[in-house]
Amino acid sequence: MDMQGILFIILIVILFILSVIFLPYWLVMRAVPKVIKAFRHNNATSASTARTIEELGLKPKSIFQRMFTRRDYRQNALQFLIRSDVVDITEEGKFFLNEEKLMLSKWRNL
């Protein structure tokens, strides 16, 4: 195998790694502002005004719907915000945006 063949294989491996690891991460980070906007649009910014996933418009698509549309990364972004403590869940299972914790996060400018 010549040098060009080896470089081509290395390039393919690098592109594969980028598409598997970094592309989904980038798409989730791009969806975070959309999720934050959904919380603010529905005034879900405190425990007393918390909303369900359906009310926020963040309900996962059915399997049938997913077959014919692009992947929706808002669910992944919501999980990211929950793990980051920016979104809290009430005892009733409703969600709200914790603006105080948002101001301490890297998303404070949204």
N, C-alpha and C. Protein backbone atom coordinates (compact mmCIF):
# COMPACT_ATOMS: atom_id res chain seq x y z
N MET A 1 0.86 -1.18 0.00
CA MET A 1 0.00 0.00 0.00
C MET A 1 0.90 1.24 0.00
N ASP A 2 0.59 2.17 -0.85
CA ASP A 2 1.42 3.37 -0.96
C ASP A 2 1.00 4.42 0.07
N MET A 3 1.76 5.49 0.10
CA MET A 3 1.55 6.55 1.10
C MET A 3 0.19 7.23 0.93
N GLN A 4 -0.26 7.42 -0.30
CA GLN A 4 -1.56 8.06 -0.52
C GLN A 4 -2.70 7.20 0.02
N GLY A 5 -2.61 5.90 -0.12
CA GLY A 5 -3.63 4.99 0.41
C GLY A 5 -3.70 5.05 1.92
N ILE A 6 -2.55 5.10 2.57
CA ILE A 6 -2.51 5.18 4.04
C ILE A 6 -3.09 6.51 4.50
N LEU A 7 -2.72 7.61 3.84
CA LEU A 7 -3.26 8.92 4.22
C LEU A 7 -4.77 8.97 4.01
N PHE A 8 -5.25 8.33 2.94
CA PHE A 8 -6.69 8.29 2.67
C PHE A 8 -7.43 7.53 3.79
N ILE A 9 -6.88 6.41 4.22
CA ILE A 9 -7.50 5.63 5.31
C ILE A 9 -7.50 6.44 6.60
N ILE A 10 -6.40 7.13 6.89
CA ILE A 10 -6.33 7.96 8.10
C ILE A 10 -7.37 9.07 8.04
N LEU A 11 -7.52 9.68 6.88
CA LEU A 11 -8.52 10.74 6.70
C LEU A 11 -9.93 10.20 6.92
N ILE A 12 -10.22 9.04 6.39
CA ILE A 12 -11.53 8.42 6.57
C ILE A 12 -11.80 8.13 8.05
N VAL A 13 -10.81 7.63 8.76
CA VAL A 13 -10.96 7.34 10.19
C VAL A 13 -11.21 8.63 10.97
N ILE A 14 -10.49 9.68 10.66
CA ILE A 14 -10.69 10.96 11.35
C ILE A 14 -12.08 11.51 11.07
N LEU A 15 -12.54 11.45 9.83
CA LEU A 15 -13.89 11.92 9.51
C LEU A 15 -14.95 11.09 10.21
N PHE A 16 -14.73 9.80 10.33
CA PHE A 16 -15.66 8.92 11.04
C PHE A 16 -15.75 9.32 12.51
N ILE A 17 -14.61 9.53 13.13
CA ILE A 17 -14.59 9.92 14.55
C ILE A 17 -15.30 11.26 14.73
N LEU A 18 -15.03 12.20 13.85
CA LEU A 18 -15.70 13.50 13.94
C LEU A 18 -17.21 13.37 13.80
N SER A 19 -17.65 12.54 12.88
CA SER A 19 -19.09 12.41 12.66
C SER A 19 -19.78 11.65 13.79
N VAL A 20 -19.10 10.75 14.45
CA VAL A 20 -19.71 9.96 15.51
C VAL A 20 -19.70 10.68 16.85
N ILE A 21 -18.65 11.42 17.13
CA ILE A 21 -18.50 12.05 18.44
C ILE A 21 -18.88 13.52 18.43
N PHE A 22 -18.27 14.29 17.56
CA PHE A 22 -18.41 15.73 17.63
C PHE A 22 -19.68 16.27 16.98
N LEU A 23 -20.14 15.67 15.92
CA LEU A 23 -21.35 16.15 15.26
C LEU A 23 -22.59 16.05 16.16
N PRO A 24 -22.85 14.91 16.82
CA PRO A 24 -24.00 14.87 17.73
C PRO A 24 -23.88 15.88 18.88
N TYR A 25 -22.67 16.04 19.43
CA TYR A 25 -22.46 17.01 20.50
C TYR A 25 -22.80 18.42 20.01
N TRP A 26 -22.34 18.76 18.83
CA TRP A 26 -22.61 20.08 18.26
C TRP A 26 -24.10 20.28 18.04
N LEU A 27 -24.79 19.26 17.56
CA LEU A 27 -26.23 19.37 17.32
C LEU A 27 -27.01 19.52 18.63
N VAL A 28 -26.57 18.85 19.68
CA VAL A 28 -27.22 19.02 21.00
C VAL A 28 -26.99 20.43 21.51
N MET A 29 -25.78 20.93 21.41
CA MET A 29 -25.49 22.29 21.88
C MET A 29 -26.26 23.32 21.07
N ARG A 30 -26.51 23.04 19.81
CA ARG A 30 -27.30 23.94 18.98
C ARG A 30 -28.78 23.92 19.38
N ALA A 31 -29.24 22.82 19.96
CA ALA A 31 -30.64 22.70 20.37
C ALA A 31 -30.90 23.30 21.75
N VAL A 32 -29.88 23.51 22.55
CA VAL A 32 -30.06 24.04 23.91
C VAL A 32 -30.78 25.39 23.90
N PRO A 33 -30.39 26.37 23.08
CA PRO A 33 -31.13 27.64 23.08
C PRO A 33 -32.60 27.48 22.70
N LYS A 34 -32.92 26.52 21.84
CA LYS A 34 -34.31 26.28 21.47
C LYS A 34 -35.12 25.77 22.65
N VAL A 35 -34.50 24.92 23.46
CA VAL A 35 -35.18 24.38 24.64
C VAL A 35 -35.38 25.48 25.68
N ILE A 36 -34.37 26.30 25.88
CA ILE A 36 -34.48 27.41 26.83
C ILE A 36 -35.59 28.37 26.36
N LYS A 37 -35.65 28.62 25.08
CA LYS A 37 -36.69 29.49 24.52
C LYS A 37 -38.09 28.90 24.75
N ALA A 38 -38.21 27.58 24.64
CA ALA A 38 -39.51 26.92 24.87
C ALA A 38 -39.95 27.12 26.31
N PHE A 39 -39.03 27.01 27.26
CA PHE A 39 -39.37 27.24 28.67
C PHE A 39 -39.82 28.68 28.89
N ARG A 40 -39.09 29.62 28.35
CA ARG A 40 -39.44 31.03 28.53
C ARG A 40 -40.74 31.38 27.82
N HIS A 41 -40.96 30.84 26.64
CA HIS A 41 -42.18 31.11 25.88
C HIS A 41 -43.42 30.62 26.64
N ASN A 42 -43.27 29.51 27.36
CA ASN A 42 -44.38 28.94 28.13
C ASN A 42 -44.36 29.38 29.59
N ASN A 43 -43.51 30.35 29.92
CA ASN A 43 -43.41 30.90 31.27
C ASN A 43 -43.14 29.82 32.32
N ALA A 44 -42.37 28.83 31.97
CA ALA A 44 -42.02 27.76 32.91
C ALA A 44 -40.69 28.08 33.56
N THR A 45 -40.70 29.11 34.41
CA THR A 45 -39.47 29.59 35.01
C THR A 45 -39.46 29.50 36.53
N SER A 46 -40.43 28.81 37.09
CA SER A 46 -40.45 28.59 38.53
C SER A 46 -41.24 27.32 38.81
N ALA A 47 -41.14 26.84 40.04
CA ALA A 47 -41.85 25.60 40.40
C ALA A 47 -43.36 25.79 40.29
N SER A 48 -43.84 26.97 40.58
CA SER A 48 -45.29 27.20 40.51
C SER A 48 -45.82 27.30 39.09
N THR A 49 -44.96 27.62 38.12
CA THR A 49 -45.39 27.72 36.72
C THR A 49 -44.81 26.60 35.86
N ALA A 50 -44.34 25.53 36.50
CA ALA A 50 -43.73 24.41 35.77
C ALA A 50 -44.73 23.80 34.80
N ARG A 51 -44.22 23.24 33.73
CA ARG A 51 -45.05 22.66 32.67
C ARG A 51 -44.61 21.22 32.39
N THR A 52 -45.51 20.48 31.78
CA THR A 52 -45.17 19.12 31.35
C THR A 52 -44.40 19.20 30.04
N ILE A 53 -43.82 18.10 29.66
CA ILE A 53 -43.09 18.02 28.39
C ILE A 53 -44.02 18.35 27.23
N GLU A 54 -45.25 17.84 27.30
CA GLU A 54 -46.21 18.08 26.22
C GLU A 54 -46.55 19.57 26.12
N GLU A 55 -46.74 20.22 27.27
CA GLU A 55 -47.07 21.65 27.27
C GLU A 55 -45.93 22.49 26.73
N LEU A 56 -44.71 22.02 26.93
CA LEU A 56 -43.54 22.75 26.44
C LEU A 56 -43.27 22.49 24.96
N GLY A 57 -43.96 21.52 24.40
CA GLY A 57 -43.72 21.17 23.00
C GLY A 57 -42.45 20.37 22.81
N LEU A 58 -42.00 19.69 23.86
CA LEU A 58 -40.75 18.92 23.80
C LEU A 58 -40.99 17.42 23.87
N LYS A 59 -42.22 17.00 23.62
CA LYS A 59 -42.55 15.58 23.68
C LYS A 59 -41.80 14.85 22.56
N PRO A 60 -41.20 13.71 22.89
CA PRO A 60 -40.48 12.96 21.86
C PRO A 60 -41.44 12.51 20.75
N LYS A 61 -40.92 12.47 19.55
CA LYS A 61 -41.72 12.02 18.41
C LYS A 61 -41.91 10.51 18.49
N SER A 62 -43.00 10.05 17.92
CA SER A 62 -43.24 8.61 17.88
C SER A 62 -42.27 7.97 16.89
N ILE A 63 -42.17 6.67 16.96
CA ILE A 63 -41.28 5.95 16.05
C ILE A 63 -41.67 6.21 14.60
N PHE A 64 -42.96 6.23 14.34
CA PHE A 64 -43.45 6.47 12.99
C PHE A 64 -43.05 7.87 12.51
N GLN A 65 -43.20 8.87 13.38
CA GLN A 65 -42.83 10.24 13.01
C GLN A 65 -41.32 10.35 12.78
N ARG A 66 -40.53 9.66 13.59
CA ARG A 66 -39.07 9.73 13.45
C ARG A 66 -38.58 9.10 12.16
N MET A 67 -39.36 8.18 11.60
CA MET A 67 -38.95 7.54 10.36
C MET A 67 -38.93 8.52 9.20
N PHE A 68 -39.75 9.56 9.26
CA PHE A 68 -39.92 10.45 8.12
C PHE A 68 -39.42 11.88 8.37
N THR A 69 -38.79 12.13 9.50
CA THR A 69 -38.27 13.46 9.78
C THR A 69 -36.81 13.36 10.24
N ARG A 70 -36.18 14.51 10.26
CA ARG A 70 -34.81 14.55 10.76
C ARG A 70 -34.82 14.33 12.27
N ARG A 71 -33.70 13.93 12.79
CA ARG A 71 -33.60 13.68 14.23
C ARG A 71 -33.75 14.99 14.98
N ASP A 72 -34.49 14.93 16.09
CA ASP A 72 -34.74 16.09 16.93
C ASP A 72 -33.83 15.99 18.16
N TYR A 73 -32.91 16.91 18.28
CA TYR A 73 -31.94 16.88 19.38
C TYR A 73 -32.42 17.65 20.61
N ARG A 74 -33.65 18.15 20.58
CA ARG A 74 -34.15 18.90 21.74
C ARG A 74 -34.28 18.02 22.97
N GLN A 75 -34.62 16.74 22.81
CA GLN A 75 -34.69 15.82 23.95
C GLN A 75 -33.31 15.66 24.60
N ASN A 76 -32.29 15.51 23.77
CA ASN A 76 -30.93 15.40 24.29
C ASN A 76 -30.51 16.70 24.98
N ALA A 77 -30.90 17.83 24.40
CA ALA A 77 -30.58 19.13 25.01
C ALA A 77 -31.28 19.28 26.35
N LEU A 78 -32.54 18.83 26.43
CA LEU A 78 -33.27 18.88 27.70
C LEU A 78 -32.57 18.03 28.75
N GLN A 79 -32.15 16.83 28.39
CA GLN A 79 -31.42 15.98 29.33
C GLN A 79 -30.10 16.63 29.76
N PHE A 80 -29.43 17.29 28.84
CA PHE A 80 -28.20 18.00 29.16
C PHE A 80 -28.47 19.11 30.18
N LEU A 81 -29.56 19.86 29.97
CA LEU A 81 -29.89 20.95 30.90
C LEU A 81 -30.32 20.42 32.26
N ILE A 82 -30.97 19.27 32.30
CA ILE A 82 -31.34 18.66 33.58
C ILE A 82 -30.09 18.23 34.32
N ARG A 83 -29.17 17.58 33.64
CA ARG A 83 -27.91 17.16 34.28
C ARG A 83 -27.08 18.36 34.72
N SER A 84 -27.22 19.48 34.03
CA SER A 84 -26.48 20.70 34.38
C SER A 84 -27.18 21.50 35.46
N ASP A 85 -28.31 21.01 35.97
CA ASP A 85 -29.11 21.67 37.01
C ASP A 85 -29.70 23.00 36.56
N VAL A 86 -29.81 23.22 35.27
CA VAL A 86 -30.43 24.44 34.75
C VAL A 86 -31.94 24.25 34.67
N VAL A 87 -32.37 23.02 34.43
CA VAL A 87 -33.79 22.67 34.41
C VAL A 87 -34.06 21.78 35.62
N ASP A 88 -35.09 22.12 36.37
CA ASP A 88 -35.48 21.35 37.54
C ASP A 88 -36.81 20.65 37.28
N ILE A 89 -37.06 19.58 38.04
CA ILE A 89 -38.29 18.81 37.91
C ILE A 89 -39.02 18.86 39.25
N THR A 90 -40.32 19.15 39.20
CA THR A 90 -41.12 19.18 40.42
C THR A 90 -41.51 17.77 40.84
N GLU A 91 -42.11 17.65 42.00
CA GLU A 91 -42.57 16.34 42.48
C GLU A 91 -43.65 15.76 41.58
N GLU A 92 -44.40 16.63 40.89
CA GLU A 92 -45.46 16.17 39.99
C GLU A 92 -44.90 15.74 38.64
N GLY A 93 -43.62 15.90 38.44
CA GLY A 93 -43.00 15.52 37.16
C GLY A 93 -43.06 16.63 36.12
N LYS A 94 -43.26 17.86 36.55
CA LYS A 94 -43.27 18.99 35.63
C LYS A 94 -41.89 19.63 35.63
N PHE A 95 -41.59 20.34 34.55
CA PHE A 95 -40.26 20.91 34.34
C PHE A 95 -40.32 22.43 34.36
N PHE A 96 -39.23 23.04 34.87
CA PHE A 96 -39.12 24.49 34.81
C PHE A 96 -37.66 24.90 34.71
N LEU A 97 -37.46 26.04 34.10
CA LEU A 97 -36.13 26.60 33.91
C LEU A 97 -35.74 27.37 35.16
N ASN A 98 -34.62 27.02 35.75
CA ASN A 98 -34.12 27.71 36.93
C ASN A 98 -33.23 28.86 36.45
N GLU A 99 -33.80 30.06 36.39
CA GLU A 99 -33.08 31.22 35.84
C GLU A 99 -31.82 31.55 36.64
N GLU A 100 -31.85 31.33 37.96
CA GLU A 100 -30.67 31.64 38.78
C GLU A 100 -29.49 30.74 38.40
N LYS A 101 -29.77 29.46 38.24
CA LYS A 101 -28.71 28.54 37.84
C LYS A 101 -28.29 28.76 36.39
N LEU A 102 -29.24 29.21 35.57
CA LEU A 102 -28.91 29.52 34.18
C LEU A 102 -27.91 30.67 34.12
N MET A 103 -28.08 31.66 34.98
CA MET A 103 -27.17 32.81 35.00
C MET A 103 -25.75 32.40 35.40
N LEU A 104 -25.63 31.29 36.13
CA LEU A 104 -24.31 30.81 36.54
C LEU A 104 -23.69 29.86 35.52
N SER A 105 -24.45 29.52 34.49
CA SER A 105 -23.96 28.57 33.49
C SER A 105 -23.38 29.31 32.29
N LYS A 106 -22.86 28.54 31.34
CA LYS A 106 -22.31 29.14 30.14
C LYS A 106 -23.40 29.64 29.21
N TRP A 107 -24.66 29.33 29.49
CA TRP A 107 -25.79 29.73 28.66
C TRP A 107 -26.42 31.02 29.16
N ARG A 108 -25.77 31.75 30.04
CA ARG A 108 -26.36 32.94 30.67
C ARG A 108 -26.72 34.05 29.68
N ASN A 109 -26.11 34.07 28.52
CA ASN A 109 -26.37 35.14 27.55
C ASN A 109 -27.57 34.88 26.66
N LEU A 110 -28.28 33.79 26.90
CA LEU A 110 -29.45 33.47 26.06
C LEU A 110 -30.69 34.11 26.58
